[in-house]
Amino acid sequence: SVIAIVALAIVFVAGLFVVGFDQGHIFSLVYGEEAFKELY
């Protein structure tokens, strides 16, 4: 189904962002500027 393909594509892109490009952006929503320093 198209819904399954779209769901897997979203999971893939989110995982790629987390592994490859996140430099504190995700946790900055909760921790603010500290997340950019700690890079959890």
PDB file of all heavy atoms in Angstrom:
ATOM      1  N   SER A   1       0.825  -1.207   0.000  1.00  0.00           N
ATOM      2  CA  SER A   1       0.000   0.000   0.000  1.00  0.00           C
ATOM      3  C   SER A   1       0.860   1.258   0.000  1.00  0.00           C
ATOM      4  O   SER A   1       1.997   1.260   0.476  1.00  0.00           O
ATOM      5  CB  SER A   1      -0.926   0.013   1.209  1.00  0.00           C
ATOM      6  OG  SER A   1      -0.190   0.237   2.384  1.00  0.00           O
ATOM      7  N   VAL A   2       0.320   2.289  -0.534  1.00  0.00           N
ATOM      8  CA  VAL A   2       1.013   3.578  -0.602  1.00  0.00           C
ATOM      9  C   VAL A   2       1.250   4.112   0.808  1.00  0.00           C
ATOM     10  O   VAL A   2       2.298   4.712   1.080  1.00  0.00           O
ATOM     11  CB  VAL A   2       0.187   4.574  -1.451  1.00  0.00           C
ATOM     12  CG1 VAL A   2       0.818   5.949  -1.432  1.00  0.00           C
ATOM     13  CG2 VAL A   2       0.061   4.069  -2.869  1.00  0.00           C
ATOM     14  N   ILE A   3       0.314   3.872   1.699  1.00  0.00           N
ATOM     15  CA  ILE A   3       0.465   4.354   3.083  1.00  0.00           C
ATOM     16  C   ILE A   3       1.682   3.708   3.737  1.00  0.00           C
ATOM     17  O   ILE A   3       2.441   4.377   4.440  1.00  0.00           O
ATOM     18  CB  ILE A   3      -0.815   4.071   3.889  1.00  0.00           C
ATOM     19  CG1 ILE A   3      -1.969   4.879   3.319  1.00  0.00           C
ATOM     20  CG2 ILE A   3      -0.614   4.366   5.362  1.00  0.00           C
ATOM     21  CD1 ILE A   3      -3.309   4.541   3.904  1.00  0.00           C
ATOM     22  N   ALA A   4       1.902   2.417   3.494  1.00  0.00           N
ATOM     23  CA  ALA A   4       3.057   1.733   4.066  1.00  0.00           C
ATOM     24  C   ALA A   4       4.357   2.304   3.517  1.00  0.00           C
ATOM     25  O   ALA A   4       5.332   2.498   4.260  1.00  0.00           O
ATOM     26  CB  ALA A   4       2.978   0.240   3.791  1.00  0.00           C
ATOM     27  N   ILE A   5       4.391   2.586   2.239  1.00  0.00           N
ATOM     28  CA  ILE A   5       5.601   3.153   1.626  1.00  0.00           C
ATOM     29  C   ILE A   5       5.877   4.543   2.184  1.00  0.00           C
ATOM     30  O   ILE A   5       7.024   4.870   2.505  1.00  0.00           O
ATOM     31  CB  ILE A   5       5.457   3.183   0.093  1.00  0.00           C
ATOM     32  CG1 ILE A   5       5.434   1.753  -0.443  1.00  0.00           C
ATOM     33  CG2 ILE A   5       6.579   3.981  -0.545  1.00  0.00           C
ATOM     34  CD1 ILE A   5       5.116   1.648  -1.912  1.00  0.00           C
ATOM     35  N   VAL A   6       4.847   5.354   2.324  1.00  0.00           N
ATOM     36  CA  VAL A   6       5.022   6.698   2.871  1.00  0.00           C
ATOM     37  C   VAL A   6       5.483   6.622   4.327  1.00  0.00           C
ATOM     38  O   VAL A   6       6.389   7.361   4.732  1.00  0.00           O
ATOM     39  CB  VAL A   6       3.711   7.510   2.740  1.00  0.00           C
ATOM     40  CG1 VAL A   6       3.781   8.802   3.520  1.00  0.00           C
ATOM     41  CG2 VAL A   6       3.408   7.779   1.287  1.00  0.00           C
ATOM     42  N   ALA A   7       4.899   5.721   5.111  1.00  0.00           N
ATOM     43  CA  ALA A   7       5.294   5.580   6.518  1.00  0.00           C
ATOM     44  C   ALA A   7       6.763   5.158   6.627  1.00  0.00           C
ATOM     45  O   ALA A   7       7.514   5.708   7.444  1.00  0.00           O
ATOM     46  CB  ALA A   7       4.394   4.572   7.224  1.00  0.00           C
ATOM     47  N   LEU A   8       7.188   4.196   5.818  1.00  0.00           N
ATOM     48  CA  LEU A   8       8.583   3.766   5.850  1.00  0.00           C
ATOM     49  C   LEU A   8       9.524   4.868   5.379  1.00  0.00           C
ATOM     50  O   LEU A   8      10.637   5.010   5.904  1.00  0.00           O
ATOM     51  CB  LEU A   8       8.769   2.515   4.997  1.00  0.00           C
ATOM     52  CG  LEU A   8       8.197   1.236   5.601  1.00  0.00           C
ATOM     53  CD1 LEU A   8       8.288   0.098   4.594  1.00  0.00           C
ATOM     54  CD2 LEU A   8       8.905   0.884   6.877  1.00  0.00           C
ATOM     55  N   ALA A   9       9.107   5.649   4.405  1.00  0.00           N
ATOM     56  CA  ALA A   9       9.934   6.764   3.935  1.00  0.00           C
ATOM     57  C   ALA A   9      10.109   7.807   5.035  1.00  0.00           C
ATOM     58  O   ALA A   9      11.210   8.344   5.232  1.00  0.00           O
ATOM     59  CB  ALA A   9       9.317   7.397   2.697  1.00  0.00           C
ATOM     60  N   ILE A  10       9.049   8.078   5.783  1.00  0.00           N
ATOM     61  CA  ILE A  10       9.132   9.040   6.889  1.00  0.00           C
ATOM     62  C   ILE A  10      10.072   8.531   7.974  1.00  0.00           C
ATOM     63  O   ILE A  10      10.911   9.278   8.487  1.00  0.00           O
ATOM     64  CB  ILE A  10       7.733   9.349   7.439  1.00  0.00           C
ATOM     65  CG1 ILE A  10       6.942  10.164   6.425  1.00  0.00           C
ATOM     66  CG2 ILE A  10       7.811  10.088   8.776  1.00  0.00           C
ATOM     67  CD1 ILE A  10       5.480  10.328   6.756  1.00  0.00           C
ATOM     68  N   VAL A  11       9.959   7.247   8.313  1.00  0.00           N
ATOM     69  CA  VAL A  11      10.848   6.656   9.320  1.00  0.00           C
ATOM     70  C   VAL A  11      12.296   6.711   8.842  1.00  0.00           C
ATOM     71  O   VAL A  11      13.210   7.031   9.615  1.00  0.00           O
ATOM     72  CB  VAL A  11      10.419   5.206   9.634  1.00  0.00           C
ATOM     73  CG1 VAL A  11      11.468   4.485  10.453  1.00  0.00           C
ATOM     74  CG2 VAL A  11       9.083   5.197  10.345  1.00  0.00           C
ATOM     75  N   PHE A  12      12.531   6.417   7.565  1.00  0.00           N
ATOM     76  CA  PHE A  12      13.879   6.462   7.014  1.00  0.00           C
ATOM     77  C   PHE A  12      14.473   7.863   7.080  1.00  0.00           C
ATOM     78  O   PHE A  12      15.615   8.045   7.504  1.00  0.00           O
ATOM     79  CB  PHE A  12      13.878   5.958   5.568  1.00  0.00           C
ATOM     80  CG  PHE A  12      15.208   6.084   4.899  1.00  0.00           C
ATOM     81  CD1 PHE A  12      16.227   5.194   5.179  1.00  0.00           C
ATOM     82  CD2 PHE A  12      15.452   7.102   3.992  1.00  0.00           C
ATOM     83  CE1 PHE A  12      17.462   5.320   4.573  1.00  0.00           C
ATOM     84  CE2 PHE A  12      16.678   7.232   3.377  1.00  0.00           C
ATOM     85  CZ  PHE A  12      17.693   6.329   3.667  1.00  0.00           C
ATOM     86  N   VAL A  13      13.705   8.850   6.657  1.00  0.00           N
ATOM     87  CA  VAL A  13      14.204  10.230   6.657  1.00  0.00           C
ATOM     88  C   VAL A  13      14.460  10.713   8.087  1.00  0.00           C
ATOM     89  O   VAL A  13      15.474  11.363   8.354  1.00  0.00           O
ATOM     90  CB  VAL A  13      13.222  11.162   5.904  1.00  0.00           C
ATOM     91  CG1 VAL A  13      13.561  12.619   6.111  1.00  0.00           C
ATOM     92  CG2 VAL A  13      13.210  10.822   4.433  1.00  0.00           C
ATOM     93  N   ALA A  14      13.565  10.379   9.005  1.00  0.00           N
ATOM     94  CA  ALA A  14      13.769  10.769  10.410  1.00  0.00           C
ATOM     95  C   ALA A  14      15.023  10.105  10.969  1.00  0.00           C
ATOM     96  O   ALA A  14      15.829  10.745  11.649  1.00  0.00           O
ATOM     97  CB  ALA A  14      12.547  10.410  11.241  1.00  0.00           C
ATOM     98  N   GLY A  15      15.217   8.829  10.675  1.00  0.00           N
ATOM     99  CA  GLY A  15      16.416   8.131  11.146  1.00  0.00           C
ATOM    100  C   GLY A  15      17.682   8.692  10.533  1.00  0.00           C
ATOM    101  O   GLY A  15      18.708   8.831  11.208  1.00  0.00           O
ATOM    102  N   LEU A  16      17.624   9.015   9.261  1.00  0.00           N
ATOM    103  CA  LEU A  16      18.780   9.614   8.599  1.00  0.00           C
ATOM    104  C   LEU A  16      19.133  10.950   9.224  1.00  0.00           C
ATOM    105  O   LEU A  16      20.311  11.257   9.447  1.00  0.00           O
ATOM    106  CB  LEU A  16      18.492   9.784   7.104  1.00  0.00           C
ATOM    107  CG  LEU A  16      19.618  10.341   6.253  1.00  0.00           C
ATOM    108  CD1 LEU A  16      20.756   9.336   6.186  1.00  0.00           C
ATOM    109  CD2 LEU A  16      19.107  10.644   4.858  1.00  0.00           C
ATOM    110  N   PHE A  17      18.125  11.753   9.546  1.00  0.00           N
ATOM    111  CA  PHE A  17      18.382  13.034  10.191  1.00  0.00           C
ATOM    112  C   PHE A  17      19.013  12.840  11.566  1.00  0.00           C
ATOM    113  O   PHE A  17      19.996  13.500  11.907  1.00  0.00           O
ATOM    114  CB  PHE A  17      17.096  13.848  10.329  1.00  0.00           C
ATOM    115  CG  PHE A  17      17.281  15.116  11.122  1.00  0.00           C
ATOM    116  CD1 PHE A  17      17.897  16.206  10.550  1.00  0.00           C
ATOM    117  CD2 PHE A  17      16.889  15.182  12.437  1.00  0.00           C
ATOM    118  CE1 PHE A  17      18.111  17.366  11.271  1.00  0.00           C
ATOM    119  CE2 PHE A  17      17.088  16.340  13.176  1.00  0.00           C
ATOM    120  CZ  PHE A  17      17.701  17.432  12.598  1.00  0.00           C
ATOM    121  N   VAL A  18      18.453  11.922  12.347  1.00  0.00           N
ATOM    122  CA  VAL A  18      18.952  11.701  13.709  1.00  0.00           C
ATOM    123  C   VAL A  18      20.393  11.225  13.677  1.00  0.00           C
ATOM    124  O   VAL A  18      21.252  11.721  14.397  1.00  0.00           O
ATOM    125  CB  VAL A  18      18.058  10.697  14.464  1.00  0.00           C
ATOM    126  CG1 VAL A  18      18.718  10.241  15.745  1.00  0.00           C
ATOM    127  CG2 VAL A  18      16.716  11.319  14.770  1.00  0.00           C
ATOM    128  N   VAL A  19      20.695  10.249  12.828  1.00  0.00           N
ATOM    129  CA  VAL A  19      22.047   9.688  12.792  1.00  0.00           C
ATOM    130  C   VAL A  19      23.024  10.620  12.103  1.00  0.00           C
ATOM    131  O   VAL A  19      24.146  10.806  12.556  1.00  0.00           O
ATOM    132  CB  VAL A  19      22.043   8.309  12.089  1.00  0.00           C
ATOM    133  CG1 VAL A  19      23.454   7.810  11.870  1.00  0.00           C
ATOM    134  CG2 VAL A  19      21.250   7.315  12.905  1.00  0.00           C
ATOM    135  N   GLY A  20      22.618  11.248  11.010  1.00  0.00           N
ATOM    136  CA  GLY A  20      23.566  11.972  10.197  1.00  0.00           C
ATOM    137  C   GLY A  20      23.695  13.452  10.429  1.00  0.00           C
ATOM    138  O   GLY A  20      24.773  14.009  10.259  1.00  0.00           O
ATOM    139  N   PHE A  21      22.616  14.097  10.843  1.00  0.00           N
ATOM    140  CA  PHE A  21      22.665  15.552  10.826  1.00  0.00           C
ATOM    141  C   PHE A  21      22.309  16.236  12.139  1.00  0.00           C
ATOM    142  O   PHE A  21      22.509  17.436  12.261  1.00  0.00           O
ATOM    143  CB  PHE A  21      21.733  16.083   9.728  1.00  0.00           C
ATOM    144  CG  PHE A  21      22.115  15.599   8.366  1.00  0.00           C
ATOM    145  CD1 PHE A  21      21.375  14.615   7.745  1.00  0.00           C
ATOM    146  CD2 PHE A  21      23.226  16.092   7.720  1.00  0.00           C
ATOM    147  CE1 PHE A  21      21.720  14.140   6.493  1.00  0.00           C
ATOM    148  CE2 PHE A  21      23.588  15.637   6.473  1.00  0.00           C
ATOM    149  CZ  PHE A  21      22.839  14.653   5.853  1.00  0.00           C
ATOM    150  N   ASP A  22      21.745  15.504  13.092  1.00  0.00           N
ATOM    151  CA  ASP A  22      21.311  16.163  14.325  1.00  0.00           C
ATOM    152  C   ASP A  22      22.511  16.663  15.114  1.00  0.00           C
ATOM    153  O   ASP A  22      23.441  15.915  15.388  1.00  0.00           O
ATOM    154  CB  ASP A  22      20.497  15.213  15.192  1.00  0.00           C
ATOM    155  CG  ASP A  22      20.012  15.918  16.439  1.00  0.00           C
ATOM    156  OD1 ASP A  22      19.276  16.902  16.299  1.00  0.00           O
ATOM    157  OD2 ASP A  22      20.389  15.493  17.545  1.00  0.00           O
ATOM    158  N   GLN A  23      22.507  17.909  15.452  1.00  0.00           N
ATOM    159  CA  GLN A  23      23.544  18.520  16.279  1.00  0.00           C
ATOM    160  C   GLN A  23      22.900  19.210  17.485  1.00  0.00           C
ATOM    161  O   GLN A  23      23.314  20.293  17.882  1.00  0.00           O
ATOM    162  CB  GLN A  23      24.339  19.541  15.461  1.00  0.00           C
ATOM    163  CG  GLN A  23      25.118  18.943  14.326  1.00  0.00           C
ATOM    164  CD  GLN A  23      26.312  18.133  14.798  1.00  0.00           C
ATOM    165  OE1 GLN A  23      26.864  18.375  15.862  1.00  0.00           O
ATOM    166  NE2 GLN A  23      26.685  17.153  14.023  1.00  0.00           N
ATOM    167  N   GLY A  24      21.885  18.575  18.034  1.00  0.00           N
ATOM    168  CA  GLY A  24      21.188  19.143  19.173  1.00  0.00           C
ATOM    169  C   GLY A  24      19.830  19.707  18.842  1.00  0.00           C
ATOM    170  O   GLY A  24      19.134  20.211  19.717  1.00  0.00           O
ATOM    171  N   HIS A  25      19.428  19.621  17.588  1.00  0.00           N
ATOM    172  CA  HIS A  25      18.167  20.230  17.168  1.00  0.00           C
ATOM    173  C   HIS A  25      16.954  19.583  17.810  1.00  0.00           C
ATOM    174  O   HIS A  25      16.010  20.270  18.183  1.00  0.00           O
ATOM    175  CB  HIS A  25      18.033  20.167  15.650  1.00  0.00           C
ATOM    176  CG  HIS A  25      19.098  20.915  14.948  1.00  0.00           C
ATOM    177  ND1 HIS A  25      20.251  20.305  14.517  1.00  0.00           N
ATOM    178  CD2 HIS A  25      19.213  22.216  14.623  1.00  0.00           C
ATOM    179  CE1 HIS A  25      21.016  21.202  13.941  1.00  0.00           C
ATOM    180  NE2 HIS A  25      20.423  22.379  13.983  1.00  0.00           N
ATOM    181  N   ILE A  26      16.953  18.267  17.933  1.00  0.00           N
ATOM    182  CA  ILE A  26      15.782  17.574  18.472  1.00  0.00           C
ATOM    183  C   ILE A  26      15.582  17.909  19.938  1.00  0.00           C
ATOM    184  O   ILE A  26      14.493  18.288  20.363  1.00  0.00           O
ATOM    185  CB  ILE A  26      15.917  16.060  18.255  1.00  0.00           C
ATOM    186  CG1 ILE A  26      15.845  15.758  16.757  1.00  0.00           C
ATOM    187  CG2 ILE A  26      14.813  15.305  19.003  1.00  0.00           C
ATOM    188  CD1 ILE A  26      16.098  14.333  16.404  1.00  0.00           C
ATOM    189  N   PHE A  27      16.620  17.768  20.742  1.00  0.00           N
ATOM    190  CA  PHE A  27      16.488  18.045  22.174  1.00  0.00           C
ATOM    191  C   PHE A  27      16.452  19.534  22.493  1.00  0.00           C
ATOM    192  O   PHE A  27      16.145  19.912  23.610  1.00  0.00           O
ATOM    193  CB  PHE A  27      17.604  17.376  22.970  1.00  0.00           C
ATOM    194  CG  PHE A  27      17.375  15.905  23.189  1.00  0.00           C
ATOM    195  CD1 PHE A  27      18.444  15.025  23.247  1.00  0.00           C
ATOM    196  CD2 PHE A  27      16.100  15.392  23.352  1.00  0.00           C
ATOM    197  CE1 PHE A  27      18.249  13.682  23.462  1.00  0.00           C
ATOM    198  CE2 PHE A  27      15.887  14.048  23.561  1.00  0.00           C
ATOM    199  CZ  PHE A  27      16.964  13.190  23.618  1.00  0.00           C
ATOM    200  N   SER A  28      16.756  20.386  21.528  1.00  0.00           N
ATOM    201  CA  SER A  28      16.688  21.822  21.802  1.00  0.00           C
ATOM    202  C   SER A  28      15.262  22.268  22.060  1.00  0.00           C
ATOM    203  O   SER A  28      15.037  23.297  22.698  1.00  0.00           O
ATOM    204  CB  SER A  28      17.295  22.618  20.658  1.00  0.00           C
ATOM    205  OG  SER A  28      16.469  22.541  19.511  1.00  0.00           O
ATOM    206  N   LEU A  29      14.297  21.495  21.574  1.00  0.00           N
ATOM    207  CA  LEU A  29      12.896  21.816  21.861  1.00  0.00           C
ATOM    208  C   LEU A  29      12.595  21.698  23.350  1.00  0.00           C
ATOM    209  O   LEU A  29      11.735  22.400  23.869  1.00  0.00           O
ATOM    210  CB  LEU A  29      11.975  20.887  21.071  1.00  0.00           C
ATOM    211  CG  LEU A  29      12.127  20.939  19.554  1.00  0.00           C
ATOM    212  CD1 LEU A  29      11.311  19.836  18.905  1.00  0.00           C
ATOM    213  CD2 LEU A  29      11.727  22.294  19.035  1.00  0.00           C
ATOM    214  N   VAL A  30      13.316  20.826  24.041  1.00  0.00           N
ATOM    215  CA  VAL A  30      13.088  20.595  25.471  1.00  0.00           C
ATOM    216  C   VAL A  30      14.143  21.309  26.318  1.00  0.00           C
ATOM    217  O   VAL A  30      13.807  21.993  27.277  1.00  0.00           O
ATOM    218  CB  VAL A  30      13.112  19.079  25.781  1.00  0.00           C
ATOM    219  CG1 VAL A  30      12.926  18.829  27.262  1.00  0.00           C
ATOM    220  CG2 VAL A  30      12.055  18.359  24.972  1.00  0.00           C
ATOM    221  N   TYR A  31      15.421  21.158  25.955  1.00  0.00           N
ATOM    222  CA  TYR A  31      16.514  21.665  26.776  1.00  0.00           C
ATOM    223  C   TYR A  31      17.013  23.050  26.374  1.00  0.00           C
ATOM    224  O   TYR A  31      17.846  23.623  27.060  1.00  0.00           O
ATOM    225  CB  TYR A  31      17.693  20.692  26.740  1.00  0.00           C
ATOM    226  CG  TYR A  31      17.392  19.377  27.397  1.00  0.00           C
ATOM    227  CD1 TYR A  31      17.337  18.209  26.663  1.00  0.00           C
ATOM    228  CD2 TYR A  31      17.154  19.300  28.753  1.00  0.00           C
ATOM    229  CE1 TYR A  31      17.061  17.000  27.251  1.00  0.00           C
ATOM    230  CE2 TYR A  31      16.878  18.096  29.361  1.00  0.00           C
ATOM    231  CZ  TYR A  31      16.829  16.944  28.604  1.00  0.00           C
ATOM    232  OH  TYR A  31      16.547  15.752  29.201  1.00  0.00           O
ATOM    233  N   GLY A  32      16.574  23.557  25.267  1.00  0.00           N
ATOM    234  CA  GLY A  32      17.003  24.876  24.833  1.00  0.00           C
ATOM    235  C   GLY A  32      18.431  24.873  24.318  1.00  0.00           C
ATOM    236  O   GLY A  32      18.885  23.925  23.694  1.00  0.00           O
ATOM    237  N   GLU A  33      19.157  25.934  24.599  1.00  0.00           N
ATOM    238  CA  GLU A  33      20.524  26.101  24.093  1.00  0.00           C
ATOM    239  C   GLU A  33      21.492  25.065  24.652  1.00  0.00           C
ATOM    240  O   GLU A  33      22.509  24.768  24.040  1.00  0.00           O
ATOM    241  CB  GLU A  33      21.032  27.508  24.417  1.00  0.00           C
ATOM    242  CG  GLU A  33      20.332  28.594  23.634  1.00  0.00           C
ATOM    243  CD  GLU A  33      20.587  28.474  22.141  1.00  0.00           C
ATOM    244  OE1 GLU A  33      21.725  28.166  21.735  1.00  0.00           O
ATOM    245  OE2 GLU A  33      19.633  28.683  21.376  1.00  0.00           O
ATOM    246  N   GLU A  34      21.195  24.503  25.804  1.00  0.00           N
ATOM    247  CA  GLU A  34      22.079  23.496  26.405  1.00  0.00           C
ATOM    248  C   GLU A  34      22.223  22.264  25.504  1.00  0.00           C
ATOM    249  O   GLU A  34      23.279  21.630  25.469  1.00  0.00           O
ATOM    250  CB  GLU A  34      21.531  23.065  27.766  1.00  0.00           C
ATOM    251  CG  GLU A  34      22.389  22.031  28.450  1.00  0.00           C
ATOM    252  CD  GLU A  34      21.764  21.555  29.747  1.00  0.00           C
ATOM    253  OE1 GLU A  34      20.905  22.247  30.300  1.00  0.00           O
ATOM    254  OE2 GLU A  34      22.167  20.474  30.195  1.00  0.00           O
ATOM    255  N   ALA A  35      21.180  21.936  24.754  1.00  0.00           N
ATOM    256  CA  ALA A  35      21.224  20.767  23.873  1.00  0.00           C
ATOM    257  C   ALA A  35      22.271  20.928  22.780  1.00  0.00           C
ATOM    258  O   ALA A  35      22.876  19.950  22.352  1.00  0.00           O
ATOM    259  CB  ALA A  35      19.851  20.532  23.249  1.00  0.00           C
ATOM    260  N   PHE A  36      22.512  22.153  22.322  1.00  0.00           N
ATOM    261  CA  PHE A  36      23.531  22.379  21.299  1.00  0.00           C
ATOM    262  C   PHE A  36      24.942  22.223  21.864  1.00  0.00           C
ATOM    263  O   PHE A  36      25.877  21.943  21.130  1.00  0.00           O
ATOM    264  CB  PHE A  36      23.359  23.759  20.671  1.00  0.00           C
ATOM    265  CG  PHE A  36      22.090  23.896  19.869  1.00  0.00           C
ATOM    266  CD1 PHE A  36      21.057  24.681  20.332  1.00  0.00           C
ATOM    267  CD2 PHE A  36      21.938  23.231  18.673  1.00  0.00           C
ATOM    268  CE1 PHE A  36      19.890  24.815  19.602  1.00  0.00           C
ATOM    269  CE2 PHE A  36      20.773  23.346  17.930  1.00  0.00           C
ATOM    270  CZ  PHE A  36      19.743  24.140  18.397  1.00  0.00           C
ATOM    271  N   LYS A  37      25.088  22.400  23.162  1.00  0.00           N
ATOM    272  CA  LYS A  37      26.400  22.215  23.798  1.00  0.00           C
ATOM    273  C   LYS A  37      26.647  20.755  24.138  1.00  0.00           C
ATOM    274  O   LYS A  37      27.755  20.260  23.997  1.00  0.00           O
ATOM    275  CB  LYS A  37      26.482  23.052  25.072  1.00  0.00           C
ATOM    276  CG  LYS A  37      26.405  24.529  24.833  1.00  0.00           C
ATOM    277  CD  LYS A  37      26.387  25.277  26.137  1.00  0.00           C
ATOM    278  CE  LYS A  37      25.996  26.722  25.921  1.00  0.00           C
ATOM    279  NZ  LYS A  37      25.702  27.411  27.166  1.00  0.00           N
ATOM    280  N   GLU A  38      25.627  20.051  24.624  1.00  0.00           N
ATOM    281  CA  GLU A  38      25.790  18.676  25.099  1.00  0.00           C
ATOM    282  C   GLU A  38      25.755  17.637  23.975  1.00  0.00           C
ATOM    283  O   GLU A  38      26.405  16.609  24.084  1.00  0.00           O
ATOM    284  CB  GLU A  38      24.710  18.347  26.127  1.00  0.00           C
ATOM    285  CG  GLU A  38      24.782  19.202  27.372  1.00  0.00           C
ATOM    286  CD  GLU A  38      26.070  19.007  28.137  1.00  0.00           C
ATOM    287  OE1 GLU A  38      26.610  17.875  28.166  1.00  0.00           O
ATOM    288  OE2 GLU A  38      26.547  19.996  28.719  1.00  0.00           O
ATOM    289  N   LEU A  39      24.995  17.878  22.913  1.00  0.00           N
ATOM    290  CA  LEU A  39      24.906  16.980  21.757  1.00  0.00           C
ATOM    291  C   LEU A  39      24.596  15.538  22.161  1.00  0.00           C
ATOM    292  O   LEU A  39      25.321  14.596  21.844  1.00  0.00           O
ATOM    293  CB  LEU A  39      26.201  17.022  20.942  1.00  0.00           C
ATOM    294  CG  LEU A  39      26.586  18.373  20.367  1.00  0.00           C
ATOM    295  CD1 LEU A  39      27.944  18.290  19.710  1.00  0.00           C
ATOM    296  CD2 LEU A  39      25.552  18.865  19.391  1.00  0.00           C
ATOM    297  N   TYR A  40      23.487  15.335  22.864  1.00  0.00           N
ATOM    298  CA  TYR A  40      23.127  14.022  23.396  1.00  0.00           C
ATOM    299  C   TYR A  40      23.030  12.960  22.300  1.00  0.00           C
ATOM    300  O   TYR A  40      23.654  11.904  22.395  1.00  0.00           O
ATOM    301  CB  TYR A  40      21.790  14.092  24.144  1.00  0.00           C
ATOM    302  CG  TYR A  40      21.807  15.013  25.328  1.00  0.00           C
ATOM    303  CD1 TYR A  40      21.024  16.158  25.345  1.00  0.00           C
ATOM    304  CD2 TYR A  40      22.595  14.736  26.429  1.00  0.00           C
ATOM    305  CE1 TYR A  40      21.026  17.007  26.436  1.00  0.00           C
ATOM    306  CE2 TYR A  40      22.613  15.575  27.527  1.00  0.00           C
ATOM    307  CZ  TYR A  40      21.828  16.712  27.530  1.00  0.00           C
ATOM    308  OH  TYR A  40      21.838  17.542  28.603  1.00  0.00           O
TER     309      TYR A  40
END
